[in-house]
Amino acid sequence: MSTDKPTGSALITGGAGFIGSHLSELLLDAGWEVFVLDDLSTGSERNVAHLRERRDFHLIVDSVLKNSVVNELVHRCDVVFHLAARRAAGRMRSRRRSTSSSRSRTTRSAGSTA
């Protein structure tokens, strides 16, 4: 159902992960313009490589902790899907406090301008 004019624009934080890449495909097929913000620390550019040729897909390799980047993208988009998170909870147990703090900062950064 691709059209020349997008239905809307969506920001997906953590969009180069498994779930985010599939959400990107779904939104693009529905006519949305998609902006993916991912630092590729747990996601992979391979997950979205097949989307890179599309004019309505944009991969921004940066951190959701950078307020200036998040602010610009949030104001540009109609909807935000916040999927950025650390994985491997078992490995993170020893760093639970820092992981929890990082998760809180990430959510605040992505949500403060939405």
N, C-alpha and C. Protein backbone atom coordinates (compact mmCIF):
# COMPACT_ATOMS: atom_id res chain seq x y z
N MET A 1 0.81 -1.19 0.00
CA MET A 1 0.00 0.00 0.00
C MET A 1 0.86 1.26 0.00
N SER A 2 2.03 1.20 -0.58
CA SER A 2 2.91 2.36 -0.63
C SER A 2 2.31 3.45 -1.51
N THR A 3 2.40 4.66 -1.03
CA THR A 3 1.93 5.81 -1.78
C THR A 3 3.07 6.80 -1.88
N ASP A 4 2.90 7.82 -2.75
CA ASP A 4 3.93 8.84 -2.87
C ASP A 4 3.99 9.72 -1.64
N LYS A 5 2.84 9.95 -1.02
CA LYS A 5 2.78 10.78 0.17
C LYS A 5 2.58 9.89 1.40
N PRO A 6 3.52 9.97 2.38
CA PRO A 6 3.40 9.10 3.55
C PRO A 6 2.13 9.36 4.35
N THR A 7 1.65 8.31 5.03
CA THR A 7 0.51 8.41 5.93
C THR A 7 0.87 9.30 7.10
N GLY A 8 2.08 9.21 7.56
CA GLY A 8 2.59 9.97 8.69
C GLY A 8 4.05 9.63 8.84
N SER A 9 4.66 10.16 9.89
CA SER A 9 6.06 9.83 10.13
C SER A 9 6.19 9.25 11.53
N ALA A 10 7.04 8.24 11.63
CA ALA A 10 7.22 7.52 12.88
C ALA A 10 8.70 7.47 13.24
N LEU A 11 8.97 7.64 14.52
CA LEU A 11 10.32 7.46 15.07
C LEU A 11 10.31 6.15 15.84
N ILE A 12 11.28 5.31 15.56
CA ILE A 12 11.44 4.06 16.30
C ILE A 12 12.82 4.08 16.95
N THR A 13 12.85 4.25 18.27
CA THR A 13 14.13 4.15 18.97
C THR A 13 14.43 2.68 19.15
N GLY A 14 15.68 2.30 18.93
CA GLY A 14 16.02 0.88 18.98
C GLY A 14 15.51 0.15 17.76
N GLY A 15 15.33 0.86 16.67
CA GLY A 15 14.71 0.30 15.48
C GLY A 15 15.56 -0.66 14.68
N ALA A 16 16.84 -0.80 15.01
CA ALA A 16 17.69 -1.75 14.29
C ALA A 16 17.72 -3.11 14.99
N GLY A 17 16.90 -3.27 16.01
CA GLY A 17 16.76 -4.56 16.67
C GLY A 17 15.76 -5.43 15.93
N PHE A 18 15.55 -6.62 16.44
CA PHE A 18 14.65 -7.57 15.79
C PHE A 18 13.23 -7.02 15.69
N ILE A 19 12.67 -6.57 16.79
CA ILE A 19 11.29 -6.08 16.80
C ILE A 19 11.19 -4.77 16.02
N GLY A 20 12.12 -3.85 16.26
CA GLY A 20 12.09 -2.56 15.58
C GLY A 20 12.20 -2.66 14.07
N SER A 21 13.02 -3.58 13.59
CA SER A 21 13.17 -3.73 12.14
C SER A 21 11.88 -4.26 11.51
N HIS A 22 11.20 -5.16 12.21
CA HIS A 22 9.93 -5.67 11.69
C HIS A 22 8.84 -4.60 11.76
N LEU A 23 8.84 -3.81 12.81
CA LEU A 23 7.89 -2.69 12.91
C LEU A 23 8.15 -1.69 11.79
N SER A 24 9.41 -1.43 11.49
CA SER A 24 9.75 -0.53 10.37
C SER A 24 9.15 -1.02 9.07
N GLU A 25 9.31 -2.31 8.79
CA GLU A 25 8.74 -2.89 7.56
C GLU A 25 7.23 -2.71 7.51
N LEU A 26 6.58 -3.01 8.62
CA LEU A 26 5.12 -2.90 8.69
C LEU A 26 4.66 -1.47 8.43
N LEU A 27 5.31 -0.51 9.07
CA LEU A 27 4.94 0.90 8.89
C LEU A 27 5.22 1.38 7.47
N LEU A 28 6.37 1.00 6.93
CA LEU A 28 6.71 1.40 5.56
C LEU A 28 5.69 0.83 4.57
N ASP A 29 5.31 -0.41 4.75
CA ASP A 29 4.32 -1.03 3.86
C ASP A 29 2.96 -0.36 3.97
N ALA A 30 2.70 0.27 5.12
CA ALA A 30 1.42 0.97 5.32
C ALA A 30 1.50 2.42 4.86
N GLY A 31 2.64 2.83 4.31
CA GLY A 31 2.77 4.17 3.77
C GLY A 31 3.39 5.21 4.69
N TRP A 32 3.94 4.79 5.81
CA TRP A 32 4.57 5.72 6.76
C TRP A 32 6.00 6.02 6.35
N GLU A 33 6.47 7.20 6.72
CA GLU A 33 7.88 7.53 6.64
C GLU A 33 8.47 7.13 8.00
N VAL A 34 9.60 6.41 7.99
CA VAL A 34 10.15 5.85 9.23
C VAL A 34 11.55 6.38 9.50
N PHE A 35 11.74 6.86 10.72
CA PHE A 35 13.03 7.28 11.22
C PHE A 35 13.44 6.31 12.32
N VAL A 36 14.57 5.67 12.16
CA VAL A 36 15.08 4.73 13.16
C VAL A 36 16.29 5.37 13.84
N LEU A 37 16.22 5.44 15.15
CA LEU A 37 17.35 5.94 15.95
C LEU A 37 17.90 4.77 16.74
N ASP A 38 19.15 4.41 16.47
CA ASP A 38 19.75 3.26 17.14
C ASP A 38 21.25 3.47 17.21
N ASP A 39 21.84 3.15 18.36
CA ASP A 39 23.29 3.28 18.48
C ASP A 39 24.01 1.99 18.08
N LEU A 40 23.26 0.99 17.68
CA LEU A 40 23.75 -0.30 17.20
C LEU A 40 24.53 -1.06 18.27
N SER A 41 24.31 -0.72 19.54
CA SER A 41 25.00 -1.45 20.60
C SER A 41 24.42 -2.85 20.78
N THR A 42 23.14 -3.00 20.54
CA THR A 42 22.53 -4.33 20.59
C THR A 42 21.79 -4.66 19.30
N GLY A 43 21.40 -3.65 18.56
CA GLY A 43 20.76 -3.87 17.26
C GLY A 43 21.84 -4.05 16.20
N SER A 44 21.41 -4.29 14.99
CA SER A 44 22.37 -4.52 13.91
C SER A 44 21.89 -3.83 12.63
N GLU A 45 22.83 -3.21 11.95
CA GLU A 45 22.51 -2.58 10.68
C GLU A 45 22.01 -3.62 9.67
N ARG A 46 22.41 -4.87 9.85
CA ARG A 46 21.93 -5.95 8.96
C ARG A 46 20.42 -6.12 9.03
N ASN A 47 19.83 -5.83 10.20
CA ASN A 47 18.38 -5.98 10.35
C ASN A 47 17.59 -5.01 9.49
N VAL A 48 18.19 -3.90 9.14
CA VAL A 48 17.49 -2.89 8.35
C VAL A 48 18.16 -2.62 7.00
N ALA A 49 19.16 -3.41 6.66
CA ALA A 49 19.91 -3.19 5.42
C ALA A 49 19.00 -3.18 4.20
N HIS A 50 18.01 -4.06 4.18
CA HIS A 50 17.10 -4.16 3.03
C HIS A 50 16.16 -2.94 2.93
N LEU A 51 16.10 -2.13 3.96
CA LEU A 51 15.24 -0.94 3.95
C LEU A 51 16.00 0.33 3.56
N ARG A 52 17.31 0.27 3.56
CA ARG A 52 18.14 1.46 3.36
C ARG A 52 17.93 2.11 1.98
N GLU A 53 17.51 1.35 1.01
CA GLU A 53 17.30 1.89 -0.35
C GLU A 53 16.03 2.71 -0.47
N ARG A 54 15.14 2.58 0.48
CA ARG A 54 13.84 3.28 0.42
C ARG A 54 13.99 4.74 0.79
N ARG A 55 13.33 5.61 0.03
CA ARG A 55 13.36 7.05 0.31
C ARG A 55 12.63 7.40 1.60
N ASP A 56 11.70 6.56 2.01
CA ASP A 56 10.90 6.85 3.20
C ASP A 56 11.45 6.19 4.46
N PHE A 57 12.68 5.67 4.40
CA PHE A 57 13.35 5.06 5.55
C PHE A 57 14.64 5.81 5.85
N HIS A 58 14.83 6.13 7.12
CA HIS A 58 16.02 6.89 7.54
C HIS A 58 16.62 6.24 8.78
N LEU A 59 17.87 5.83 8.70
CA LEU A 59 18.58 5.26 9.85
C LEU A 59 19.52 6.32 10.39
N ILE A 60 19.33 6.64 11.67
CA ILE A 60 20.20 7.59 12.35
C ILE A 60 20.96 6.79 13.41
N VAL A 61 22.27 6.67 13.23
CA VAL A 61 23.09 5.93 14.18
C VAL A 61 23.58 6.92 15.22
N ASP A 62 22.91 6.90 16.36
CA ASP A 62 23.23 7.80 17.47
C ASP A 62 22.52 7.28 18.72
N SER A 63 22.71 7.96 19.82
CA SER A 63 22.17 7.51 21.10
C SER A 63 20.88 8.22 21.47
N VAL A 64 19.96 7.48 22.07
CA VAL A 64 18.73 8.09 22.58
C VAL A 64 19.03 8.95 23.81
N LEU A 65 20.23 8.88 24.30
CA LEU A 65 20.61 9.72 25.44
C LEU A 65 21.04 11.12 25.01
N LYS A 66 21.16 11.36 23.71
CA LYS A 66 21.51 12.69 23.20
C LYS A 66 20.22 13.48 22.96
N ASN A 67 19.92 14.36 23.90
CA ASN A 67 18.66 15.11 23.85
C ASN A 67 18.47 15.88 22.56
N SER A 68 19.52 16.48 22.02
CA SER A 68 19.38 17.27 20.80
C SER A 68 18.92 16.41 19.62
N VAL A 69 19.45 15.20 19.53
CA VAL A 69 19.07 14.28 18.45
C VAL A 69 17.62 13.84 18.63
N VAL A 70 17.29 13.43 19.86
CA VAL A 70 15.93 12.96 20.15
C VAL A 70 14.93 14.08 19.92
N ASN A 71 15.22 15.28 20.40
CA ASN A 71 14.30 16.42 20.24
C ASN A 71 14.00 16.69 18.78
N GLU A 72 15.03 16.72 17.96
CA GLU A 72 14.81 16.99 16.53
C GLU A 72 13.93 15.93 15.90
N LEU A 73 14.18 14.67 16.21
CA LEU A 73 13.40 13.58 15.61
C LEU A 73 11.97 13.54 16.13
N VAL A 74 11.80 13.75 17.42
CA VAL A 74 10.44 13.73 18.00
C VAL A 74 9.59 14.82 17.38
N HIS A 75 10.16 16.00 17.20
CA HIS A 75 9.38 17.10 16.61
C HIS A 75 9.09 16.88 15.14
N ARG A 76 9.86 16.04 14.50
CA ARG A 76 9.68 15.76 13.08
C ARG A 76 8.63 14.67 12.84
N CYS A 77 8.35 13.87 13.88
CA CYS A 77 7.51 12.68 13.71
C CYS A 77 6.15 12.83 14.38
N ASP A 78 5.19 12.08 13.86
CA ASP A 78 3.83 12.07 14.39
C ASP A 78 3.66 11.10 15.55
N VAL A 79 4.48 10.04 15.57
CA VAL A 79 4.37 9.01 16.59
C VAL A 79 5.76 8.49 16.93
N VAL A 80 5.93 8.08 18.20
CA VAL A 80 7.22 7.54 18.65
C VAL A 80 6.99 6.15 19.23
N PHE A 81 7.78 5.19 18.76
CA PHE A 81 7.81 3.85 19.32
C PHE A 81 9.15 3.71 20.05
N HIS A 82 9.11 3.68 21.36
CA HIS A 82 10.33 3.65 22.16
C HIS A 82 10.70 2.20 22.49
N LEU A 83 11.61 1.64 21.68
CA LEU A 83 12.02 0.25 21.85
C LEU A 83 13.47 0.13 22.30
N ALA A 84 14.16 1.24 22.45
CA ALA A 84 15.57 1.20 22.85
C ALA A 84 15.69 0.70 24.28
N ALA A 85 16.50 -0.31 24.45
CA ALA A 85 16.73 -0.88 25.79
C ALA A 85 17.97 -1.76 25.73
N ARG A 86 18.51 -2.02 26.86
CA ARG A 86 19.63 -2.96 26.94
C ARG A 86 19.06 -4.36 27.00
N ARG A 87 19.80 -5.31 26.44
CA ARG A 87 19.34 -6.70 26.49
C ARG A 87 20.25 -7.50 27.41
N ALA A 88 20.05 -8.78 27.46
CA ALA A 88 20.87 -9.70 28.24
C ALA A 88 20.80 -9.37 29.72
N ALA A 89 19.61 -9.45 30.26
CA ALA A 89 19.40 -9.13 31.67
C ALA A 89 20.28 -9.96 32.58
N GLY A 90 20.54 -11.20 32.23
CA GLY A 90 21.40 -12.05 33.04
C GLY A 90 22.79 -11.48 33.19
N ARG A 91 23.35 -10.99 32.11
CA ARG A 91 24.68 -10.39 32.16
C ARG A 91 24.65 -9.05 32.88
N MET A 92 23.50 -8.42 32.90
CA MET A 92 23.39 -7.10 33.49
C MET A 92 23.08 -7.14 34.98
N ARG A 93 22.78 -8.32 35.52
CA ARG A 93 22.43 -8.39 36.94
C ARG A 93 23.46 -7.73 37.82
N SER A 94 24.71 -7.95 37.52
CA SER A 94 25.77 -7.37 38.34
C SER A 94 25.81 -5.85 38.20
N ARG A 95 25.25 -5.37 37.13
CA ARG A 95 25.21 -3.92 36.91
C ARG A 95 23.78 -3.41 36.95
N ARG A 96 22.93 -4.06 37.75
CA ARG A 96 21.51 -3.74 37.78
C ARG A 96 21.27 -2.26 38.02
N ARG A 97 21.96 -1.68 38.97
CA ARG A 97 21.73 -0.28 39.30
C ARG A 97 22.04 0.62 38.11
N SER A 98 23.18 0.40 37.44
CA SER A 98 23.51 1.25 36.30
C SER A 98 22.59 1.00 35.12
N THR A 99 22.16 -0.26 34.93
CA THR A 99 21.22 -0.58 33.85
C THR A 99 19.88 0.09 34.10
N SER A 100 19.40 0.03 35.32
CA SER A 100 18.13 0.66 35.66
C SER A 100 18.22 2.17 35.47
N SER A 101 19.33 2.74 35.88
CA SER A 101 19.54 4.18 35.72
C SER A 101 19.59 4.55 34.24
N SER A 102 20.30 3.75 33.46
CA SER A 102 20.40 4.00 32.02
C SER A 102 19.04 3.90 31.36
N ARG A 103 18.25 2.89 31.73
CA ARG A 103 16.92 2.72 31.17
C ARG A 103 16.03 3.92 31.50
N SER A 104 16.14 4.41 32.73
CA SER A 104 15.35 5.57 33.14
C SER A 104 15.75 6.81 32.35
N ARG A 105 17.05 7.02 32.18
CA ARG A 105 17.53 8.18 31.41
C ARG A 105 17.06 8.09 29.97
N THR A 106 17.11 6.89 29.40
CA THR A 106 16.69 6.68 28.01
C THR A 106 15.22 7.02 27.85
N THR A 107 14.38 6.53 28.74
CA THR A 107 12.95 6.79 28.66
C THR A 107 12.66 8.26 28.86
N ARG A 108 13.32 8.88 29.82
CA ARG A 108 13.12 10.32 30.04
C ARG A 108 13.53 11.11 28.81
N SER A 109 14.66 10.75 28.22
CA SER A 109 15.15 11.46 27.04
C SER A 109 14.17 11.33 25.88
N ALA A 110 13.69 10.13 25.64
CA ALA A 110 12.77 9.91 24.52
C ALA A 110 11.39 10.46 24.80
N GLY A 111 10.99 10.48 26.07
CA GLY A 111 9.64 10.90 26.41
C GLY A 111 9.50 12.35 26.77
N SER A 112 10.59 13.01 27.07
CA SER A 112 10.47 14.39 27.57
C SER A 112 9.96 15.37 26.52
N THR A 113 10.18 15.06 25.25
CA THR A 113 9.73 15.98 24.22
C THR A 113 8.52 15.48 23.45
N ALA A 114 8.13 14.25 23.76
CA ALA A 114 6.99 13.67 23.02
C ALA A 114 5.68 14.29 23.44
